[in-house]
Amino acid sequence: SRVMRGLIIDFTRQRHALKRGGNFEITRLDSQVAGQESQDDAEQKGLLRLSEALDELALHDPRLAEVVDLRYFCGFSLTDIAAMRGVALRTVQRDWDKARLFLFRELKPAPIP
């Protein structure tokens, strides 16, 4: 699941780099208004923030981070994860709920002063 997450994030970075010119130097002026970001930029930033939040979660509770990796990046159902781990479905559901709460708190936007 960690490899799958890494592949998805690397693919997003690579796609973003190729779309933006890769190794080439762009010599035209940016016509985008300052403070505005494209949907691809927002998507990439979101995935990077999610990856960082998952790394932080793994430091606190690796089991919760693994549930998120398996569910979000590998597409397994909670029932599948419970069967893989040999635990009750309700245990995996609680882990999923705890992980979602942690990620929600980590990813919510900072209040504007």
PDB file of N, CA and C in Angstrom:
ATOM      1  N   SER A   1       0.825  -1.191   0.000  1.00  0.00           N
ATOM      2  CA  SER A   1       0.000   0.000   0.000  1.00  0.00           C
ATOM      3  C   SER A   1       0.869   1.255   0.000  1.00  0.00           C
ATOM      4  N   ARG A   2       2.007   1.200   0.697  1.00  0.00           N
ATOM      5  CA  ARG A   2       2.911   2.363   0.688  1.00  0.00           C
ATOM      6  C   ARG A   2       3.496   2.576  -0.699  1.00  0.00           C
ATOM      7  N   VAL A   3       3.806   1.476  -1.378  1.00  0.00           N
ATOM      8  CA  VAL A   3       4.345   1.579  -2.729  1.00  0.00           C
ATOM      9  C   VAL A   3       3.299   2.188  -3.654  1.00  0.00           C
ATOM     10  N   MET A   4       2.050   1.750  -3.520  1.00  0.00           N
ATOM     11  CA  MET A   4       0.975   2.286  -4.358  1.00  0.00           C
ATOM     12  C   MET A   4       0.818   3.782  -4.121  1.00  0.00           C
ATOM     13  N   ARG A   5       0.852   4.204  -2.865  1.00  0.00           N
ATOM     14  CA  ARG A   5       0.739   5.627  -2.543  1.00  0.00           C
ATOM     15  C   ARG A   5       1.909   6.392  -3.173  1.00  0.00           C
ATOM     16  N   GLY A   6       3.113   5.854  -3.034  1.00  0.00           N
ATOM     17  CA  GLY A   6       4.280   6.507  -3.623  1.00  0.00           C
ATOM     18  C   GLY A   6       4.178   6.620  -5.137  1.00  0.00           C
ATOM     19  N   LEU A   7       3.688   5.567  -5.772  1.00  0.00           N
ATOM     20  CA  LEU A   7       3.533   5.592  -7.229  1.00  0.00           C
ATOM     21  C   LEU A   7       2.524   6.650  -7.665  1.00  0.00           C
ATOM     22  N   ILE A   8       1.415   6.732  -6.970  1.00  0.00           N
ATOM     23  CA  ILE A   8       0.386   7.713  -7.333  1.00  0.00           C
ATOM     24  C   ILE A   8       0.917   9.130  -7.166  1.00  0.00           C
ATOM     25  N   ILE A   9       1.593   9.385  -6.073  1.00  0.00           N
ATOM     26  CA  ILE A   9       2.123  10.730  -5.828  1.00  0.00           C
ATOM     27  C   ILE A   9       3.234  11.059  -6.810  1.00  0.00           C
ATOM     28  N   ASP A  10       4.125  10.113  -7.101  1.00  0.00           N
ATOM     29  CA  ASP A  10       5.183  10.342  -8.083  1.00  0.00           C
ATOM     30  C   ASP A  10       4.603  10.586  -9.473  1.00  0.00           C
ATOM     31  N   PHE A  11       3.570   9.835  -9.824  1.00  0.00           N
ATOM     32  CA  PHE A  11       2.918  10.025 -11.121  1.00  0.00           C
ATOM     33  C   PHE A  11       2.317  11.418 -11.217  1.00  0.00           C
ATOM     34  N   THR A  12       1.682  11.872 -10.148  1.00  0.00           N
ATOM     35  CA  THR A  12       1.093  13.208 -10.139  1.00  0.00           C
ATOM     36  C   THR A  12       2.168  14.275 -10.277  1.00  0.00           C
ATOM     37  N   ARG A  13       3.261  14.123  -9.570  1.00  0.00           N
ATOM     38  CA  ARG A  13       4.370  15.083  -9.685  1.00  0.00           C
ATOM     39  C   ARG A  13       4.937  15.104 -11.096  1.00  0.00           C
ATOM     40  N   GLN A  14       5.138  13.914 -11.669  1.00  0.00           N
ATOM     41  CA  GLN A  14       5.705  13.816 -13.008  1.00  0.00           C
ATOM     42  C   GLN A  14       4.767  14.433 -14.042  1.00  0.00           C
ATOM     43  N   ARG A  15       3.479  14.141 -13.921  1.00  0.00           N
ATOM     44  CA  ARG A  15       2.503  14.686 -14.852  1.00  0.00           C
ATOM     45  C   ARG A  15       2.474  16.210 -14.744  1.00  0.00           C
ATOM     46  N   HIS A  16       2.564  16.708 -13.533  1.00  0.00           N
ATOM     47  CA  HIS A  16       2.575  18.146 -13.305  1.00  0.00           C
ATOM     48  C   HIS A  16       3.824  18.772 -13.925  1.00  0.00           C
ATOM     49  N   ALA A  17       4.970  18.115 -13.764  1.00  0.00           N
ATOM     50  CA  ALA A  17       6.218  18.645 -14.305  1.00  0.00           C
ATOM     51  C   ALA A  17       6.196  18.645 -15.828  1.00  0.00           C
ATOM     52  N   LEU A  18       5.699  17.571 -16.438  1.00  0.00           N
ATOM     53  CA  LEU A  18       5.640  17.501 -17.889  1.00  0.00           C
ATOM     54  C   LEU A  18       4.674  18.530 -18.443  1.00  0.00           C
ATOM     55  N   LYS A  19       3.555  18.698 -17.770  1.00  0.00           N
ATOM     56  CA  LYS A  19       2.564  19.649 -18.228  1.00  0.00           C
ATOM     57  C   LYS A  19       3.099  21.070 -18.146  1.00  0.00           C
ATOM     58  N   ARG A  20       3.924  21.335 -17.159  1.00  0.00           N
ATOM     59  CA  ARG A  20       4.458  22.668 -16.946  1.00  0.00           C
ATOM     60  C   ARG A  20       5.775  22.908 -17.661  1.00  0.00           C
ATOM     61  N   GLY A  21       6.226  21.955 -18.468  1.00  0.00           N
ATOM     62  CA  GLY A  21       7.427  22.187 -19.254  1.00  0.00           C
ATOM     63  C   GLY A  21       8.596  21.309 -18.884  1.00  0.00           C
ATOM     64  N   GLY A  22       8.482  20.538 -17.818  1.00  0.00           N
ATOM     65  CA  GLY A  22       9.547  19.636 -17.436  1.00  0.00           C
ATOM     66  C   GLY A  22      10.857  20.351 -17.200  1.00  0.00           C
ATOM     67  N   ASN A  23      11.875  19.990 -17.971  1.00  0.00           N
ATOM     68  CA  ASN A  23      13.206  20.577 -17.816  1.00  0.00           C
ATOM     69  C   ASN A  23      13.408  21.832 -18.653  1.00  0.00           C
ATOM     70  N   PHE A  24      12.403  22.233 -19.421  1.00  0.00           N
ATOM     71  CA  PHE A  24      12.541  23.385 -20.295  1.00  0.00           C
ATOM     72  C   PHE A  24      12.249  24.672 -19.533  1.00  0.00           C
ATOM     73  N   GLU A  25      12.935  25.719 -19.936  1.00  0.00           N
ATOM     74  CA  GLU A  25      12.703  27.022 -19.321  1.00  0.00           C
ATOM     75  C   GLU A  25      11.624  27.744 -20.111  1.00  0.00           C
ATOM     76  N   ILE A  26      10.602  28.163 -19.450  1.00  0.00           N
ATOM     77  CA  ILE A  26       9.499  28.862 -20.109  1.00  0.00           C
ATOM     78  C   ILE A  26       9.830  30.351 -20.111  1.00  0.00           C
ATOM     79  N   THR A  27       9.735  30.982 -21.292  1.00  0.00           N
ATOM     80  CA  THR A  27      10.138  32.384 -21.394  1.00  0.00           C
ATOM     81  C   THR A  27       8.965  33.342 -21.529  1.00  0.00           C
ATOM     82  N   ARG A  28       7.744  32.869 -21.491  1.00  0.00           N
ATOM     83  CA  ARG A  28       6.607  33.781 -21.605  1.00  0.00           C
ATOM     84  C   ARG A  28       6.121  34.184 -20.218  1.00  0.00           C
ATOM     85  N   LEU A  29       5.402  35.267 -20.178  1.00  0.00           N
ATOM     86  CA  LEU A  29       4.870  35.758 -18.912  1.00  0.00           C
ATOM     87  C   LEU A  29       3.676  34.928 -18.480  1.00  0.00           C
ATOM     88  N   ASP A  30       3.523  34.789 -17.190  1.00  0.00           N
ATOM     89  CA  ASP A  30       2.394  34.050 -16.641  1.00  0.00           C
ATOM     90  C   ASP A  30       1.149  34.923 -16.707  1.00  0.00           C
ATOM     91  N   SER A  31       0.099  34.425 -17.328  1.00  0.00           N
ATOM     92  CA  SER A  31      -1.139  35.195 -17.459  1.00  0.00           C
ATOM     93  C   SER A  31      -2.117  34.913 -16.328  1.00  0.00           C
ATOM     94  N   GLN A  32      -1.736  34.034 -15.445  1.00  0.00           N
ATOM     95  CA  GLN A  32      -2.612  33.665 -14.333  1.00  0.00           C
ATOM     96  C   GLN A  32      -2.552  34.746 -13.252  1.00  0.00           C
ATOM     97  N   VAL A  33      -3.701  35.050 -12.700  1.00  0.00           N
ATOM     98  CA  VAL A  33      -3.784  36.063 -11.658  1.00  0.00           C
ATOM     99  C   VAL A  33      -3.089  35.549 -10.411  1.00  0.00           C
ATOM    100  N   ALA A  34      -2.337  36.421  -9.741  1.00  0.00           N
ATOM    101  CA  ALA A  34      -1.636  36.028  -8.513  1.00  0.00           C
ATOM    102  C   ALA A  34      -2.638  35.540  -7.483  1.00  0.00           C
ATOM    103  N   GLY A  35      -2.299  34.466  -6.808  1.00  0.00           N
ATOM    104  CA  GLY A  35      -3.181  33.917  -5.786  1.00  0.00           C
ATOM    105  C   GLY A  35      -4.158  32.880  -6.329  1.00  0.00           C
ATOM    106  N   GLN A  36      -4.256  32.786  -7.646  1.00  0.00           N
ATOM    107  CA  GLN A  36      -5.146  31.810  -8.257  1.00  0.00           C
ATOM    108  C   GLN A  36      -4.314  30.603  -8.665  1.00  0.00           C
ATOM    109  N   GLU A  37      -4.836  29.408  -8.426  1.00  0.00           N
ATOM    110  CA  GLU A  37      -4.093  28.224  -8.833  1.00  0.00           C
ATOM    111  C   GLU A  37      -4.979  27.327  -9.675  1.00  0.00           C
ATOM    112  N   SER A  38      -4.364  26.617 -10.596  1.00  0.00           N
ATOM    113  CA  SER A  38      -5.126  25.737 -11.465  1.00  0.00           C
ATOM    114  C   SER A  38      -5.599  24.517 -10.678  1.00  0.00           C
ATOM    115  N   GLN A  39      -6.510  23.791 -11.267  1.00  0.00           N
ATOM    116  CA  GLN A  39      -7.046  22.596 -10.610  1.00  0.00           C
ATOM    117  C   GLN A  39      -5.956  21.544 -10.441  1.00  0.00           C
ATOM    118  N   ASP A  40      -5.058  21.411 -11.419  1.00  0.00           N
ATOM    119  CA  ASP A  40      -3.962  20.441 -11.305  1.00  0.00           C
ATOM    120  C   ASP A  40      -3.026  20.801 -10.159  1.00  0.00           C
ATOM    121  N   ASP A  41      -2.739  22.096 -10.008  1.00  0.00           N
ATOM    122  CA  ASP A  41      -1.880  22.528  -8.900  1.00  0.00           C
ATOM    123  C   ASP A  41      -2.531  22.200  -7.564  1.00  0.00           C
ATOM    124  N   ALA A  42      -3.812  22.474  -7.461  1.00  0.00           N
ATOM    125  CA  ALA A  42      -4.542  22.199  -6.219  1.00  0.00           C
ATOM    126  C   ALA A  42      -4.574  20.699  -5.947  1.00  0.00           C
ATOM    127  N   GLU A  43      -4.752  19.897  -7.004  1.00  0.00           N
ATOM    128  CA  GLU A  43      -4.779  18.438  -6.840  1.00  0.00           C
ATOM    129  C   GLU A  43      -3.432  17.923  -6.347  1.00  0.00           C
ATOM    130  N   GLN A  44      -2.359  18.432  -6.935  1.00  0.00           N
ATOM    131  CA  GLN A  44      -1.023  17.993  -6.530  1.00  0.00           C
ATOM    132  C   GLN A  44      -0.741  18.392  -5.087  1.00  0.00           C
ATOM    133  N   LYS A  45      -1.061  19.621  -4.731  1.00  0.00           N
ATOM    134  CA  LYS A  45      -0.844  20.071  -3.360  1.00  0.00           C
ATOM    135  C   LYS A  45      -1.665  19.240  -2.379  1.00  0.00           C
ATOM    136  N   GLY A  46      -2.894  18.911  -2.774  1.00  0.00           N
ATOM    137  CA  GLY A  46      -3.742  18.097  -1.910  1.00  0.00           C
ATOM    138  C   GLY A  46      -3.158  16.710  -1.675  1.00  0.00           C
ATOM    139  N   LEU A  47      -2.654  16.089  -2.739  1.00  0.00           N
ATOM    140  CA  LEU A  47      -2.046  14.768  -2.590  1.00  0.00           C
ATOM    141  C   LEU A  47      -0.778  14.821  -1.748  1.00  0.00           C
ATOM    142  N   LEU A  48       0.001  15.867  -1.927  1.00  0.00           N
ATOM    143  CA  LEU A  48       1.229  15.998  -1.130  1.00  0.00           C
ATOM    144  C   LEU A  48       0.892  16.227   0.342  1.00  0.00           C
ATOM    145  N   ARG A  49      -0.115  17.043   0.614  1.00  0.00           N
ATOM    146  CA  ARG A  49      -0.529  17.268   2.001  1.00  0.00           C
ATOM    147  C   ARG A  49      -1.065  15.976   2.614  1.00  0.00           C
ATOM    148  N   LEU A  50      -1.818  15.206   1.816  1.00  0.00           N
ATOM    149  CA  LEU A  50      -2.331  13.931   2.303  1.00  0.00           C
ATOM    150  C   LEU A  50      -1.189  12.982   2.617  1.00  0.00           C
ATOM    151  N   SER A  51      -0.192  12.929   1.743  1.00  0.00           N
ATOM    152  CA  SER A  51       0.948  12.051   1.974  1.00  0.00           C
ATOM    153  C   SER A  51       1.701  12.444   3.247  1.00  0.00           C
ATOM    154  N   GLU A  52       1.902  13.743   3.445  1.00  0.00           N
ATOM    155  CA  GLU A  52       2.584  14.205   4.658  1.00  0.00           C
ATOM    156  C   GLU A  52       1.759  13.885   5.914  1.00  0.00           C
ATOM    157  N   ALA A  53       0.442  14.066   5.814  1.00  0.00           N
ATOM    158  CA  ALA A  53      -0.423  13.765   6.953  1.00  0.00           C
ATOM    159  C   ALA A  53      -0.407  12.266   7.256  1.00  0.00           C
ATOM    160  N   LEU A  54      -0.361  11.431   6.218  1.00  0.00           N
ATOM    161  CA  LEU A  54      -0.288   9.982   6.432  1.00  0.00           C
ATOM    162  C   LEU A  54       1.042   9.582   7.056  1.00  0.00           C
ATOM    163  N   ASP A  55       2.109  10.250   6.669  1.00  0.00           N
ATOM    164  CA  ASP A  55       3.403   9.979   7.298  1.00  0.00           C
ATOM    165  C   ASP A  55       3.366  10.345   8.777  1.00  0.00           C
ATOM    166  N   GLU A  56       2.734  11.457   9.098  1.00  0.00           N
ATOM    167  CA  GLU A  56       2.582  11.875  10.496  1.00  0.00           C
ATOM    168  C   GLU A  56       1.728  10.867  11.263  1.00  0.00           C
ATOM    169  N   LEU A  57       0.649  10.404  10.636  1.00  0.00           N
ATOM    170  CA  LEU A  57      -0.217   9.403  11.265  1.00  0.00           C
ATOM    171  C   LEU A  57       0.560   8.114  11.513  1.00  0.00           C
ATOM    172  N   ALA A  58       1.411   7.732  10.575  1.00  0.00           N
ATOM    173  CA  ALA A  58       2.204   6.506  10.723  1.00  0.00           C
ATOM    174  C   ALA A  58       3.152   6.597  11.911  1.00  0.00           C
ATOM    175  N   LEU A  59       3.613   7.807  12.217  1.00  0.00           N
ATOM    176  CA  LEU A  59       4.468   7.973  13.395  1.00  0.00           C
ATOM    177  C   LEU A  59       3.681   7.745  14.681  1.00  0.00           C
ATOM    178  N   HIS A  60       2.415   8.191  14.701  1.00  0.00           N
ATOM    179  CA  HIS A  60       1.579   8.055  15.890  1.00  0.00           C
ATOM    180  C   HIS A  60       0.980   6.653  16.017  1.00  0.00           C
ATOM    181  N   ASP A  61       0.441   6.145  14.900  1.00  0.00           N
ATOM    182  CA  ASP A  61      -0.207   4.831  14.923  1.00  0.00           C
ATOM    183  C   ASP A  61      -0.102   4.190  13.539  1.00  0.00           C
ATOM    184  N   PRO A  62       0.899   3.348  13.313  1.00  0.00           N
ATOM    185  CA  PRO A  62       1.103   2.736  11.991  1.00  0.00           C
ATOM    186  C   PRO A  62      -0.098   1.916  11.499  1.00  0.00           C
ATOM    187  N   ARG A  63      -0.818   1.323  12.431  1.00  0.00           N
ATOM    188  CA  ARG A  63      -1.976   0.509  12.055  1.00  0.00           C
ATOM    189  C   ARG A  63      -3.050   1.354  11.357  1.00  0.00           C
ATOM    190  N   LEU A  64      -3.277   2.562  11.862  1.00  0.00           N
ATOM    191  CA  LEU A  64      -4.267   3.442  11.257  1.00  0.00           C
ATOM    192  C   LEU A  64      -3.814   3.901   9.872  1.00  0.00           C
ATOM    193  N   ALA A  65      -2.541   4.215   9.742  1.00  0.00           N
ATOM    194  CA  ALA A  65      -2.015   4.647   8.447  1.00  0.00           C
ATOM    195  C   ALA A  65      -2.125   3.522   7.418  1.00  0.00           C
ATOM    196  N   GLU A  66      -1.915   2.307   7.859  1.00  0.00           N
ATOM    197  CA  GLU A  66      -2.026   1.171   6.932  1.00  0.00           C
ATOM    198  C   GLU A  66      -3.459   0.999   6.442  1.00  0.00           C
ATOM    199  N   VAL A  67      -4.435   1.198   7.322  1.00  0.00           N
ATOM    200  CA  VAL A  67      -5.845   1.089   6.919  1.00  0.00           C
ATOM    201  C   VAL A  67      -6.154   2.128   5.848  1.00  0.00           C
ATOM    202  N   VAL A  68      -5.673   3.354   6.024  1.00  0.00           N
ATOM    203  CA  VAL A  68      -5.924   4.406   5.034  1.00  0.00           C
ATOM    204  C   VAL A  68      -5.246   4.058   3.714  1.00  0.00           C
ATOM    205  N   ASP A  69      -4.009   3.604   3.764  1.00  0.00           N
ATOM    206  CA  ASP A  69      -3.310   3.219   2.534  1.00  0.00           C
ATOM    207  C   ASP A  69      -4.063   2.123   1.793  1.00  0.00           C
ATOM    208  N   LEU A  70      -4.478   1.107   2.514  1.00  0.00           N
ATOM    209  CA  LEU A  70      -5.175  -0.017   1.880  1.00  0.00           C
ATOM    210  C   LEU A  70      -6.533   0.402   1.321  1.00  0.00           C
ATOM    211  N   ARG A  71      -7.225   1.236   2.054  1.00  0.00           N
ATOM    212  CA  ARG A  71      -8.571   1.647   1.640  1.00  0.00           C
ATOM    213  C   ARG A  71      -8.513   2.696   0.532  1.00  0.00           C
ATOM    214  N   TYR A  72      -7.726   3.734   0.719  1.00  0.00           N
ATOM    215  CA  TYR A  72      -7.731   4.871  -0.201  1.00  0.00           C
ATOM    216  C   TYR A  72      -6.893   4.627  -1.447  1.00  0.00           C
ATOM    217  N   PHE A  73      -5.680   4.120  -1.281  1.00  0.00           N
ATOM    218  CA  PHE A  73      -4.780   3.982  -2.415  1.00  0.00           C
ATOM    219  C   PHE A  73      -4.880   2.629  -3.112  1.00  0.00           C
ATOM    220  N   CYS A  74      -5.259   1.579  -2.389  1.00  0.00           N
ATOM    221  CA  CYS A  74      -5.362   0.258  -3.003  1.00  0.00           C
ATOM    222  C   CYS A  74      -6.801  -0.135  -3.323  1.00  0.00           C
ATOM    223  N   GLY A  75      -7.769   0.561  -2.740  1.00  0.00           N
ATOM    224  CA  GLY A  75      -9.171   0.316  -3.074  1.00  0.00           C
ATOM    225  C   GLY A  75      -9.809  -0.872  -2.383  1.00  0.00           C
ATOM    226  N   PHE A  76      -9.208  -1.377  -1.316  1.00  0.00           N
ATOM    227  CA  PHE A  76      -9.802  -2.500  -0.595  1.00  0.00           C
ATOM    228  C   PHE A  76     -10.979  -2.025   0.244  1.00  0.00           C
ATOM    229  N   SER A  77     -11.958  -2.885   0.405  1.00  0.00           N
ATOM    230  CA  SER A  77     -13.084  -2.572   1.288  1.00  0.00           C
ATOM    231  C   SER A  77     -12.668  -2.853   2.731  1.00  0.00           C
ATOM    232  N   LEU A  78     -13.451  -2.351   3.661  1.00  0.00           N
ATOM    233  CA  LEU A  78     -13.151  -2.602   5.069  1.00  0.00           C
ATOM    234  C   LEU A  78     -13.231  -4.093   5.384  1.00  0.00           C
ATOM    235  N   THR A  79     -14.140  -4.790   4.728  1.00  0.00           N
ATOM    236  CA  THR A  79     -14.264  -6.239   4.916  1.00  0.00           C
ATOM    237  C   THR A  79     -13.000  -6.956   4.445  1.00  0.00           C
ATOM    238  N   ASP A  80     -12.479  -6.536   3.296  1.00  0.00           N
ATOM    239  CA  ASP A  80     -11.235  -7.125   2.774  1.00  0.00           C
ATOM    240  C   ASP A  80     -10.068  -6.890   3.728  1.00  0.00           C
ATOM    241  N   ILE A  81      -9.981  -5.674   4.258  1.00  0.00           N
ATOM    242  CA  ILE A  81      -8.892  -5.332   5.175  1.00  0.00           C
ATOM    243  C   ILE A  81      -8.996  -6.161   6.448  1.00  0.00           C
ATOM    244  N   ALA A  82     -10.225  -6.332   6.946  1.00  0.00           N
ATOM    245  CA  ALA A  82     -10.426  -7.145   8.155  1.00  0.00           C
ATOM    246  C   ALA A  82      -9.982  -8.583   7.908  1.00  0.00           C
ATOM    247  N   ALA A  83     -10.323  -9.123   6.737  1.00  0.00           N
ATOM    248  CA  ALA A  83      -9.932 -10.496   6.409  1.00  0.00           C
ATOM    249  C   ALA A  83      -8.414 -10.622   6.285  1.00  0.00           C
ATOM    250  N   MET A  84      -7.759  -9.625   5.681  1.00  0.00           N
ATOM    251  CA  MET A  84      -6.303  -9.660   5.533  1.00  0.00           C
ATOM    252  C   MET A  84      -5.601  -9.641   6.884  1.00  0.00           C
ATOM    253  N   ARG A  85      -6.136  -8.860   7.796  1.00  0.00           N
ATOM    254  CA  ARG A  85      -5.509  -8.707   9.110  1.00  0.00           C
ATOM    255  C   ARG A  85      -5.941  -9.768  10.104  1.00  0.00           C
ATOM    256  N   GLY A  86      -7.041 -10.454   9.815  1.00  0.00           N
ATOM    257  CA  GLY A  86      -7.532 -11.466  10.735  1.00  0.00           C
ATOM    258  C   GLY A  86      -8.179 -10.861  11.979  1.00  0.00           C
ATOM    259  N   VAL A  87      -8.832  -9.698  11.806  1.00  0.00           N
ATOM    260  CA  VAL A  87      -9.524  -9.041  12.912  1.00  0.00           C
ATOM    261  C   VAL A  87     -10.981  -8.843  12.539  1.00  0.00           C
ATOM    262  N   ALA A  88     -11.770  -8.416  13.518  1.00  0.00           N
ATOM    263  CA  ALA A  88     -13.187  -8.183  13.273  1.00  0.00           C
ATOM    264  C   ALA A  88     -13.385  -6.947  12.395  1.00  0.00           C
ATOM    265  N   LEU A  89     -14.460  -6.953  11.623  1.00  0.00           N
ATOM    266  CA  LEU A  89     -14.792  -5.831  10.772  1.00  0.00           C
ATOM    267  C   LEU A  89     -14.954  -4.558  11.598  1.00  0.00           C
ATOM    268  N   ARG A  90     -15.564  -4.674  12.765  1.00  0.00           N
ATOM    269  CA  ARG A  90     -15.791  -3.506  13.624  1.00  0.00           C
ATOM    270  C   ARG A  90     -14.460  -2.870  14.060  1.00  0.00           C
ATOM    271  N   THR A  91     -13.433  -3.652  14.258  1.00  0.00           N
ATOM    272  CA  THR A  91     -12.105  -3.124  14.615  1.00  0.00           C
ATOM    273  C   THR A  91     -11.560  -2.266  13.484  1.00  0.00           C
ATOM    274  N   VAL A  92     -11.689  -2.752  12.263  1.00  0.00           N
ATOM    275  CA  VAL A  92     -11.216  -2.005  11.105  1.00  0.00           C
ATOM    276  C   VAL A  92     -12.049  -0.735  10.922  1.00  0.00           C
ATOM    277  N   GLN A  93     -13.353  -0.816  11.157  1.00  0.00           N
ATOM    278  CA  GLN A  93     -14.205   0.366  11.056  1.00  0.00           C
ATOM    279  C   GLN A  93     -13.785   1.437  12.062  1.00  0.00           C
ATOM    280  N   ARG A  94     -13.480   1.015  13.281  1.00  0.00           N
ATOM    281  CA  ARG A  94     -13.017   1.976  14.292  1.00  0.00           C
ATOM    282  C   ARG A  94     -11.683   2.587  13.882  1.00  0.00           C
ATOM    283  N   ASP A  95     -10.772   1.766  13.362  1.00  0.00           N
ATOM    284  CA  ASP A  95      -9.487   2.285  12.893  1.00  0.00           C
ATOM    285  C   ASP A  95      -9.687   3.292  11.757  1.00  0.00           C
ATOM    286  N   TRP A  96     -10.575   2.975  10.836  1.00  0.00           N
ATOM    287  CA  TRP A  96     -10.869   3.866   9.708  1.00  0.00           C
ATOM    288  C   TRP A  96     -11.433   5.195  10.211  1.00  0.00           C
ATOM    289  N   ASP A  97     -12.354   5.133  11.168  1.00  0.00           N
ATOM    290  CA  ASP A  97     -12.944   6.357  11.726  1.00  0.00           C
ATOM    291  C   ASP A  97     -11.894   7.210  12.440  1.00  0.00           C
ATOM    292  N   LYS A  98     -11.026   6.564  13.216  1.00  0.00           N
ATOM    293  CA  LYS A  98      -9.965   7.294  13.918  1.00  0.00           C
ATOM    294  C   LYS A  98      -9.011   7.951  12.920  1.00  0.00           C
ATOM    295  N   ALA A  99      -8.647   7.214  11.887  1.00  0.00           N
ATOM    296  CA  ALA A  99      -7.717   7.738  10.886  1.00  0.00           C
ATOM    297  C   ALA A  99      -8.339   8.913  10.136  1.00  0.00           C
ATOM    298  N   ARG A 100      -9.609   8.801   9.783  1.00  0.00           N
ATOM    299  CA  ARG A 100     -10.287   9.894   9.090  1.00  0.00           C
ATOM    300  C   ARG A 100     -10.349  11.141   9.953  1.00  0.00           C
ATOM    301  N   LEU A 101     -10.617  10.963  11.235  1.00  0.00           N
ATOM    302  CA  LEU A 101     -10.661  12.098  12.150  1.00  0.00           C
ATOM    303  C   LEU A 101      -9.290  12.772  12.237  1.00  0.00           C
ATOM    304  N   PHE A 102      -8.241  11.968  12.369  1.00  0.00           N
ATOM    305  CA  PHE A 102      -6.881  12.516  12.424  1.00  0.00           C
ATOM    306  C   PHE A 102      -6.569  13.290  11.150  1.00  0.00           C
ATOM    307  N   LEU A 103      -6.873  12.698   9.991  1.00  0.00           N
ATOM    308  CA  LEU A 103      -6.568  13.347   8.718  1.00  0.00           C
ATOM    309  C   LEU A 103      -7.400  14.610   8.512  1.00  0.00           C
ATOM    310  N   PHE A 104      -8.643  14.576   8.955  1.00  0.00           N
ATOM    311  CA  PHE A 104      -9.486  15.762   8.857  1.00  0.00           C
ATOM    312  C   PHE A 104      -8.869  16.920   9.633  1.00  0.00           C
ATOM    313  N   ARG A 105      -8.415  16.631  10.819  1.00  0.00           N
ATOM    314  CA  ARG A 105      -7.801  17.676  11.642  1.00  0.00           C
ATOM    315  C   ARG A 105      -6.499  18.181  11.034  1.00  0.00           C
ATOM    316  N   GLU A 106      -5.719  17.280  10.442  1.00  0.00           N
ATOM    317  CA  GLU A 106      -4.444  17.668   9.853  1.00  0.00           C
ATOM    318  C   GLU A 106      -4.615  18.453   8.551  1.00  0.00           C
ATOM    319  N   LEU A 107      -5.652  18.130   7.788  1.00  0.00           N
ATOM    320  CA  LEU A 107      -5.805  18.705   6.454  1.00  0.00           C
ATOM    321  C   LEU A 107      -6.725  19.903   6.392  1.00  0.00           C
ATOM    322  N   LYS A 108      -7.452  20.188   7.452  1.00  0.00           N
ATOM    323  CA  LYS A 108      -8.367  21.330   7.374  1.00  0.00           C
ATOM    324  C   LYS A 108      -7.565  22.616   7.241  1.00  0.00           C
ATOM    325  N   PRO A 109      -8.102  23.564   6.487  1.00  0.00           N
ATOM    326  CA  PRO A 109      -7.374  24.801   6.260  1.00  0.00           C
ATOM    327  C   PRO A 109      -7.153  25.574   7.566  1.00  0.00           C
ATOM    328  N   ALA A 110      -6.053  26.256   7.615  1.00  0.00           N
ATOM    329  CA  ALA A 110      -5.733  27.067   8.790  1.00  0.00           C
ATOM    330  C   ALA A 110      -6.680  28.269   8.841  1.00  0.00           C
ATOM    331  N   PRO A 111      -7.111  28.670  10.037  1.00  0.00           N
ATOM    332  CA  PRO A 111      -7.998  29.826  10.125  1.00  0.00           C
ATOM    333  C   PRO A 111      -7.277  31.107   9.669  1.00  0.00           C
ATOM    334  N   ILE A 112      -8.032  31.960   9.029  1.00  0.00           N
ATOM    335  CA  ILE A 112      -7.474  33.216   8.534  1.00  0.00           C
ATOM    336  C   ILE A 112      -7.441  34.219   9.685  1.00  0.00           C
ATOM    337  N   PRO A 113      -6.257  34.797   9.961  1.00  0.00           N
ATOM    338  CA  PRO A 113      -6.160  35.735  11.094  1.00  0.00           C
ATOM    339  C   PRO A 113      -6.846  37.051  10.834  1.00  0.00           C
TER     340      PRO A 113
END
